[in-house]
């Protein structure tokens, strides 16, 4: 019994010592250090348990139970002290920390998000042409050679039909090939095949060409327009383009010049320049689009009588319009996925373009 009595006394003394050390911990960090020291594998309770093997068999049960009782009391004391210290720490924070409710509310995701400049210009163009009476027409990005070239009066030997300029899919068993459309003109063809005049549409969308540099990318955006009627003429075309440029660049007057050009699907064909005064750079000319009267062969290919109907078409790059209006120097930045760039050039989700409220906010 002497061995058991001595061991029990040691455990009682150890318990008192550990409880006192727990009680003197002044903060959670000190308490955690005490916990690690007391309950660790090399701590005093574990060392007492290691004596179990040296005791006679009849004393082991009582010593083990006493040692476990000390461990339980110490663990309970640790938990109670932790609760007290956590409550004290919270009271200290509440006593010293203050929240200034007069500060402005931090912007949330809706305010931080930005509309891509090309998306903004897309909406601006749709708003302008809708006001002029145009519908928005759409078509597939993957087209047939006939829809993308043939029905547009583009000859087989034309450079645009070569693989260095167009993305072709592998040939089908019958030798035909699909391709990624190189312009949104096939939308005009589909519209003329499925609707009878009068027709007044715009066809915005993605287009694809094998080209990449500071002002060209393999994928970019176009918007094309088509008007077909019995009395449509060149004067209507010039008026529509002038009204568009004035509304888009938000100026009261714009200088324009029409230069003779050649496109297989229009005759006559023209390229249009505007005076750079529209973007604050007087004394220069900016090329913005191509246009012309729809070629009679295109009308015939779509089942329309060129003796009865005539019209005009035009096309421009949305990316280029964006660069001109908002001063973006490099087209490749549009597709870089750089959030810093988007936060600088992007638009608030609430900046919905309207002619009445101002296109660019």
Protein backbone atom coordinates (compact mmCIF):
# COMPACT_ATOMS: atom_id res chain seq x y z
CA UNK A 1 0.00 0.00 0.00
CA UNK A 2 3.00 2.27 0.55
CA UNK A 3 3.68 2.48 -3.22
CA UNK A 4 0.06 3.28 -4.01
CA UNK A 5 -0.16 5.94 -1.32
CA UNK A 6 3.02 7.60 -2.54
CA UNK A 7 1.81 7.58 -6.17
CA UNK A 8 -1.55 9.03 -5.17
CA UNK A 9 0.10 11.84 -3.28
CA UNK A 10 2.24 12.67 -6.29
CA UNK A 11 -0.83 12.78 -8.50
CA UNK A 12 -2.66 15.07 -6.04
CA UNK A 13 0.32 17.40 -5.94
CA UNK A 14 0.61 17.33 -9.73
CA UNK A 15 -3.08 18.14 -10.08
CA UNK A 16 -2.81 21.13 -7.78
CA UNK A 17 0.25 22.39 -9.62
CA UNK A 18 -1.39 22.06 -13.06
CA UNK A 19 -4.62 23.70 -11.95
CA UNK A 20 -2.68 26.63 -10.56
CA UNK A 21 -0.75 27.02 -13.81
CA UNK A 22 -4.00 26.97 -15.80
CA UNK A 23 -5.54 29.58 -13.51
CA UNK A 24 -2.60 31.98 -14.02
CA UNK A 25 -2.88 31.97 -17.84
CA UNK A 26 -3.72 35.57 -18.81
CA UNK A 27 -4.80 35.10 -22.43
CA UNK A 28 -5.67 32.40 -24.95
CA UNK A 29 -2.10 32.18 -26.25
CA UNK A 30 -0.71 31.45 -22.77
CA UNK A 31 -3.50 28.95 -22.13
CA UNK A 32 -2.71 27.14 -25.38
CA UNK A 33 0.94 26.91 -24.36
CA UNK A 34 -0.10 25.41 -21.00
CA UNK A 35 -2.38 22.92 -22.74
CA UNK A 36 0.37 21.71 -25.05
CA UNK A 37 2.78 21.42 -22.11
CA UNK A 38 0.35 19.59 -19.83
CA UNK A 39 -1.44 17.20 -22.20
CA UNK A 40 1.36 16.50 -24.66
CA UNK A 41 2.98 13.09 -25.09
CA UNK A 42 5.91 14.22 -22.96
CA UNK A 43 3.79 16.10 -20.43
CA UNK A 44 3.61 15.34 -16.67
CA UNK A 45 0.38 13.35 -16.93
CA UNK A 46 1.83 11.12 -19.64
CA UNK A 47 5.01 10.68 -17.58
CA UNK A 48 2.97 9.57 -14.56
CA UNK A 49 1.14 7.05 -16.73
CA UNK A 50 4.49 5.65 -17.88
CA UNK A 51 5.16 4.56 -14.26
CA UNK A 52 2.34 2.08 -14.53
CA UNK A 53 4.63 -0.63 -15.88
CA UNK A 54 6.91 -0.42 -12.80
CA UNK A 55 4.14 -0.92 -10.27
CA UNK A 56 3.03 -4.29 -8.84
CA UNK A 57 0.05 -5.79 -10.67
CA UNK A 58 -2.34 -5.24 -7.75
CA UNK A 59 -1.59 -1.45 -7.67
CA UNK A 60 -1.84 -0.72 -11.41
CA UNK A 61 -5.63 -0.47 -11.61
CA UNK A 62 -5.95 2.05 -8.79
CA UNK A 63 -3.00 4.14 -10.02
CA UNK A 64 -4.32 4.19 -13.59
CA UNK A 65 -7.79 5.27 -12.44
CA UNK A 66 -6.28 8.05 -10.29
CA UNK A 67 -4.11 9.26 -13.16
CA UNK A 68 -7.12 9.35 -15.54
CA UNK A 69 -9.09 11.28 -12.91
CA UNK A 70 -6.33 13.91 -12.77
CA UNK A 71 -6.33 14.15 -16.57
CA UNK A 72 -10.13 14.63 -16.62
CA UNK A 73 -10.00 17.39 -13.97
CA UNK A 74 -7.16 19.19 -15.80
CA UNK A 75 -8.97 18.93 -19.16
CA UNK A 76 -12.17 20.31 -17.64
CA UNK A 77 -10.23 23.15 -16.06
CA UNK A 78 -8.61 23.99 -19.43
CA UNK A 79 -11.98 24.17 -21.13
CA UNK A 80 -13.48 26.33 -18.40
CA UNK A 81 -10.51 28.71 -18.46
CA UNK A 82 -10.68 28.94 -22.25
CA UNK A 83 -14.35 29.91 -22.10
CA UNK A 84 -13.57 32.61 -19.52
CA UNK A 85 -10.68 34.02 -21.57
CA UNK A 86 -12.72 34.01 -24.81
CA UNK A 87 -15.51 35.91 -23.09
CA UNK A 88 -13.02 38.40 -21.67
CA UNK A 89 -11.39 38.90 -25.08
CA UNK A 90 -14.81 39.54 -26.68
CA UNK A 91 -15.71 42.08 -23.98
CA UNK A 92 -12.38 43.84 -24.55
CA UNK A 93 -13.02 44.04 -28.31
CA UNK A 94 -16.54 45.35 -27.77
CA UNK A 95 -15.21 47.97 -25.35
CA UNK A 96 -12.57 49.33 -27.73
CA UNK A 97 -13.73 48.60 -31.31
CA UNK A 98 -16.17 50.95 -32.97
CA UNK A 99 -17.99 50.75 -36.34
CA UNK A 100 -18.50 54.07 -38.13
CA UNK A 101 -21.97 53.65 -39.60
CA UNK A 102 -21.60 56.95 -41.49
CA UNK A 103 -19.01 55.47 -43.87
CA UNK A 104 -20.25 54.84 -47.43
CA UNK A 105 -21.29 51.31 -48.30
CA UNK A 106 -18.60 49.32 -50.06
CA UNK A 107 -19.47 48.54 -53.68
CA UNK A 108 -20.62 44.99 -54.29
CA UNK A 109 -20.07 42.69 -57.29
CA UNK A 110 -22.73 44.50 -59.33
CA UNK A 111 -20.87 47.81 -59.01
CA UNK A 112 -17.42 46.30 -59.53
CA UNK A 113 -18.36 44.30 -62.64
CA UNK A 114 -17.74 45.85 -66.03
CA UNK A 115 -19.34 45.54 -69.47
CA UNK A 116 -16.75 44.86 -72.17
CA UNK A 117 -16.30 47.87 -74.51
CA UNK A 118 -17.18 45.77 -77.57
CA UNK A 119 -20.42 44.66 -75.90
CA UNK A 120 -21.18 48.28 -75.09
CA UNK A 121 -20.57 49.38 -78.69
CA UNK A 122 -22.68 46.46 -79.91
CA UNK A 123 -25.58 47.77 -77.84
CA UNK A 124 -24.94 51.35 -78.97
CA UNK A 125 -25.13 50.33 -82.64
CA UNK A 126 -28.30 48.30 -82.12
CA UNK A 127 -29.88 51.26 -80.33
CA UNK A 128 -29.05 53.63 -83.19
CA UNK A 129 -30.18 51.38 -86.02
CA UNK A 130 -33.32 50.35 -84.17
CA UNK A 131 -34.21 54.03 -84.01
CA UNK A 132 -33.71 54.17 -87.80
CA UNK A 133 -36.15 51.29 -88.29
CA UNK A 134 -33.75 48.35 -88.67
CA UNK A 135 -34.38 44.86 -87.29
CA UNK A 136 -31.60 42.71 -85.85
CA UNK A 137 -30.97 39.47 -87.78
CA UNK A 138 -28.72 36.59 -86.74
CA UNK A 139 -27.20 33.52 -88.34
CA UNK A 140 -24.82 30.62 -87.57
CA UNK A 141 -21.06 31.09 -87.15
CA UNK A 142 -20.44 27.91 -89.17
CA UNK A 143 -21.46 28.37 -92.79
CA UNK A 144 -21.30 26.64 -96.14
CA UNK A 145 -18.98 27.82 -98.88
CA UNK A 146 -21.98 28.67 -101.00
CA UNK A 147 -23.62 30.90 -98.38
CA UNK A 148 -20.39 32.60 -97.37
CA UNK A 149 -19.00 33.14 -100.89
CA UNK A 150 -21.03 31.74 -103.78
CA UNK A 151 -24.33 33.54 -103.36
CA UNK A 152 -22.43 36.77 -102.64
CA UNK A 153 -21.03 36.76 -106.18
CA UNK A 154 -17.50 36.00 -104.94
CA UNK A 155 -15.69 34.02 -107.69
CA UNK A 156 -13.94 30.72 -107.01
CA UNK A 157 -10.48 32.21 -107.59
CA UNK A 158 -11.00 35.12 -105.17
CA UNK A 159 -8.20 35.40 -102.54
CA UNK A 160 -10.73 35.44 -99.71
CA UNK A 161 -11.62 31.83 -100.54
CA UNK A 162 -8.06 30.61 -100.04
CA UNK A 163 -7.02 28.72 -96.90
CA UNK A 164 -4.55 31.41 -95.90
CA UNK A 165 -7.53 33.72 -95.28
CA UNK A 166 -10.39 31.43 -94.24
CA UNK A 167 -10.81 28.77 -91.54
CA UNK A 168 -12.10 25.64 -93.29
CA UNK A 169 -13.34 22.41 -91.72
CA UNK A 170 -12.19 19.04 -93.17
CA UNK A 171 -13.92 18.14 -96.46
CA UNK A 172 -17.10 16.07 -96.39
CA UNK A 173 -17.37 12.83 -98.43
CA UNK A 174 -18.99 14.77 -101.28
CA UNK A 175 -16.05 17.22 -101.33
CA UNK A 176 -17.94 20.17 -99.84
CA UNK A 177 -16.53 21.98 -96.84
CA UNK A 178 -17.95 24.01 -94.00
CA UNK A 179 -16.12 27.07 -92.73
CA UNK A 180 -16.16 29.71 -90.05
CA UNK A 181 -17.91 32.70 -91.61
CA UNK A 182 -15.56 35.47 -92.69
CA UNK A 183 -18.28 38.14 -92.51
CA UNK A 184 -21.90 38.40 -91.43
CA UNK A 185 -23.04 38.76 -95.05
CA UNK A 186 -24.52 35.21 -95.07
CA UNK A 187 -27.12 36.58 -92.65
CA UNK A 188 -28.16 39.00 -95.39
CA UNK A 189 -28.47 36.09 -97.84
CA UNK A 190 -30.60 34.05 -95.45
CA UNK A 191 -32.82 37.06 -94.80
CA UNK A 192 -33.39 37.73 -98.51
CA UNK A 193 -34.18 34.04 -99.09
CA UNK A 194 -36.71 33.87 -96.26
CA UNK A 195 -38.32 37.33 -96.31
CA UNK A 196 -39.87 39.40 -99.03
CA UNK A 197 -39.00 43.09 -99.42
CA UNK A 198 -39.12 45.63 -97.95
CA UNK A 199 -36.14 44.48 -95.88
CA UNK A 200 -34.28 46.63 -93.40
CA UNK A 201 -31.90 44.68 -91.14
CA UNK A 202 -28.56 44.83 -89.37
CA UNK A 203 -26.50 41.67 -88.82
CA UNK A 204 -24.04 41.97 -85.91
CA UNK A 205 -21.88 39.05 -84.78
CA UNK A 206 -18.55 37.28 -84.57
CA UNK A 207 -16.52 36.59 -87.70
CA UNK A 208 -13.26 34.71 -88.30
CA UNK A 209 -10.22 35.19 -90.55
CA UNK A 210 -6.62 33.91 -90.54
CA UNK A 211 -5.02 37.15 -89.43
CA UNK A 212 -3.37 38.39 -86.24
CA UNK A 213 -1.49 41.60 -85.43
CA UNK A 214 -2.04 44.89 -83.59
CA UNK A 215 -5.15 45.72 -85.62
CA UNK A 216 -6.33 42.22 -86.64
CA UNK A 217 -7.35 39.15 -84.66
CA UNK A 218 -8.47 35.66 -85.80
CA UNK A 219 -11.91 36.35 -84.30
CA UNK A 220 -13.48 39.79 -84.34
CA UNK A 221 -16.88 41.45 -84.57
CA UNK A 222 -18.76 42.96 -87.48
CA UNK A 223 -22.05 44.70 -88.02
CA UNK A 224 -23.56 44.75 -91.48
CA UNK A 225 -26.69 46.42 -92.77
CA UNK A 226 -29.04 45.63 -95.63
CA UNK A 227 -31.95 47.55 -97.14
CA UNK A 228 -33.97 46.12 -100.04
CA UNK A 229 -36.97 47.91 -101.51
CA UNK A 230 -38.38 49.01 -104.85
CA UNK A 231 -37.17 52.63 -104.68
CA UNK A 232 -34.02 52.48 -102.54
CA UNK A 233 -31.10 54.48 -103.92
CA UNK A 234 -27.63 55.80 -103.05
CA UNK A 235 -28.98 58.89 -101.33
CA UNK A 236 -30.70 56.70 -98.75
CA UNK A 237 -27.43 54.90 -98.08
CA UNK A 238 -25.52 58.14 -97.51
CA UNK A 239 -28.21 59.50 -95.21
CA UNK A 240 -28.32 56.32 -93.07
CA UNK A 241 -24.54 56.28 -92.66
CA UNK A 242 -24.39 59.98 -91.84
CA UNK A 243 -27.11 59.67 -89.21
CA UNK A 244 -25.39 56.65 -87.73
CA UNK A 245 -22.01 58.40 -87.46
CA UNK A 246 -23.50 61.50 -85.85
CA UNK A 247 -25.36 59.41 -83.28
CA UNK A 248 -22.50 56.99 -82.61
CA UNK A 249 -19.78 59.61 -82.14
CA UNK A 250 -22.28 61.90 -80.42
CA UNK A 251 -21.59 64.96 -82.58
CA UNK A 252 -23.98 67.36 -84.27
CA UNK A 253 -22.20 67.23 -87.61
CA UNK A 254 -19.76 64.87 -89.30
CA UNK A 255 -17.66 65.16 -92.46
CA UNK A 256 -17.82 62.13 -94.73
CA UNK A 257 -16.23 61.14 -98.00
CA UNK A 258 -17.05 58.19 -100.23
CA UNK A 259 -14.17 56.64 -102.19
CA UNK A 260 -14.75 54.31 -105.14
CA UNK A 261 -13.80 50.71 -104.34
CA UNK A 262 -14.68 47.17 -105.43
CA UNK A 263 -16.57 44.44 -103.61
CA UNK A 264 -18.01 41.45 -105.52
CA UNK A 265 -21.39 41.75 -103.80
CA UNK A 266 -22.02 45.48 -104.42
CA UNK A 267 -22.01 47.66 -107.53
CA UNK A 268 -21.10 50.45 -107.28
CA UNK A 269 -18.90 49.92 -104.21
CA UNK A 270 -17.44 52.52 -101.89
CA UNK A 271 -15.29 52.89 -98.81
CA UNK A 272 -16.30 55.57 -96.34
CA UNK A 273 -14.04 57.90 -94.37
CA UNK A 274 -15.13 60.35 -91.70
CA UNK A 275 -13.38 63.49 -90.51
CA UNK A 276 -11.41 62.80 -87.33
CA UNK A 277 -13.04 65.83 -85.74
CA UNK A 278 -15.65 63.32 -84.60
CA UNK A 279 -13.11 61.88 -82.13
CA UNK A 280 -11.31 65.11 -81.35
CA UNK A 281 -8.51 64.85 -83.94
CA UNK A 282 -9.15 67.46 -86.62
CA UNK A 283 -7.34 67.43 -89.95
CA UNK A 284 -7.35 63.66 -90.46
CA UNK A 285 -9.58 61.09 -92.15
CA UNK A 286 -10.60 57.77 -90.64
CA UNK A 287 -11.73 54.79 -92.69
CA UNK A 288 -14.68 53.20 -90.93
CA UNK A 289 -16.65 51.01 -93.35
CA UNK A 290 -17.36 49.65 -96.82
CA UNK A 291 -20.69 49.90 -98.60
CA UNK A 292 -22.47 49.94 -101.94
CA UNK A 293 -25.59 49.08 -103.87
CA UNK A 294 -26.42 45.35 -103.76
CA UNK A 295 -25.15 43.63 -106.91
CA UNK A 296 -27.95 42.35 -109.19
CA UNK A 297 -26.37 38.87 -109.19
CA UNK A 298 -26.79 38.69 -105.42
CA UNK A 299 -30.47 39.56 -105.74
CA UNK A 300 -30.91 36.88 -108.42
CA UNK A 301 -29.09 34.30 -106.23
CA UNK A 302 -31.62 35.02 -103.48
CA UNK A 303 -34.65 34.76 -105.75
CA UNK A 304 -35.34 38.49 -106.08
CA UNK A 305 -36.00 40.29 -109.33
CA UNK A 306 -33.29 42.97 -109.85
CA UNK A 307 -35.62 44.75 -112.28
CA UNK A 308 -38.09 45.30 -109.45
CA UNK A 309 -35.92 45.46 -106.33
CA UNK A 310 -32.70 47.22 -105.46
CA UNK A 311 -30.99 48.10 -102.23
CA UNK A 312 -27.80 48.88 -100.41
CA UNK A 313 -25.53 47.14 -97.95
CA UNK A 314 -22.75 48.24 -95.62
CA UNK A 315 -20.38 46.61 -93.15
CA UNK A 316 -18.03 47.77 -90.44
CA UNK A 317 -15.91 46.29 -87.66
CA UNK A 318 -17.31 46.75 -84.15
CA UNK A 319 -13.82 46.35 -82.69
CA UNK A 320 -12.45 49.13 -84.90
CA UNK A 321 -15.36 51.41 -84.00
CA UNK A 322 -14.62 50.74 -80.33
CA UNK A 323 -10.94 51.57 -80.78
CA UNK A 324 -11.77 54.84 -82.54
CA UNK A 325 -14.44 56.05 -80.13
CA UNK A 326 -12.83 55.04 -76.84
CA UNK A 327 -9.14 55.40 -77.69
CA UNK A 328 -8.05 51.76 -77.39
CA UNK A 329 -4.62 51.45 -79.06
CA UNK A 330 -4.29 47.66 -79.45
CA UNK A 331 -7.03 45.34 -80.71
CA UNK A 332 -5.44 42.32 -79.02
CA UNK A 333 -6.21 43.79 -75.59
CA UNK A 334 -9.91 43.12 -76.25
CA UNK A 335 -9.25 39.39 -75.88
CA UNK A 336 -6.51 39.42 -73.22
CA UNK A 337 -8.84 38.74 -70.24
CA UNK A 338 -6.92 41.38 -68.24
CA UNK A 339 -9.17 42.62 -65.42
CA UNK A 340 -7.09 45.78 -64.99
CA UNK A 341 -7.73 46.66 -68.63
CA UNK A 342 -11.44 45.86 -68.31
CA UNK A 343 -11.81 48.00 -65.18
CA UNK A 344 -10.20 50.90 -67.05
CA UNK A 345 -12.06 50.66 -70.38
CA UNK A 346 -15.19 48.80 -69.25
CA UNK A 347 -18.64 50.21 -68.52
CA UNK A 348 -20.92 49.95 -65.52
CA UNK A 349 -23.74 47.46 -65.83
CA UNK A 350 -26.10 50.40 -65.38
CA UNK A 351 -24.66 52.32 -68.37
CA UNK A 352 -27.33 51.11 -70.79
CA UNK A 353 -26.92 53.09 -74.02
CA UNK A 354 -29.94 55.10 -75.04
CA UNK A 355 -30.28 57.88 -77.58
CA UNK A 356 -32.23 59.98 -75.10
CA UNK A 357 -29.84 59.57 -72.18
CA UNK A 358 -26.59 59.44 -74.13
CA UNK A 359 -24.96 56.38 -75.64
CA UNK A 360 -21.74 56.39 -73.61
CA UNK A 361 -23.28 57.50 -70.31
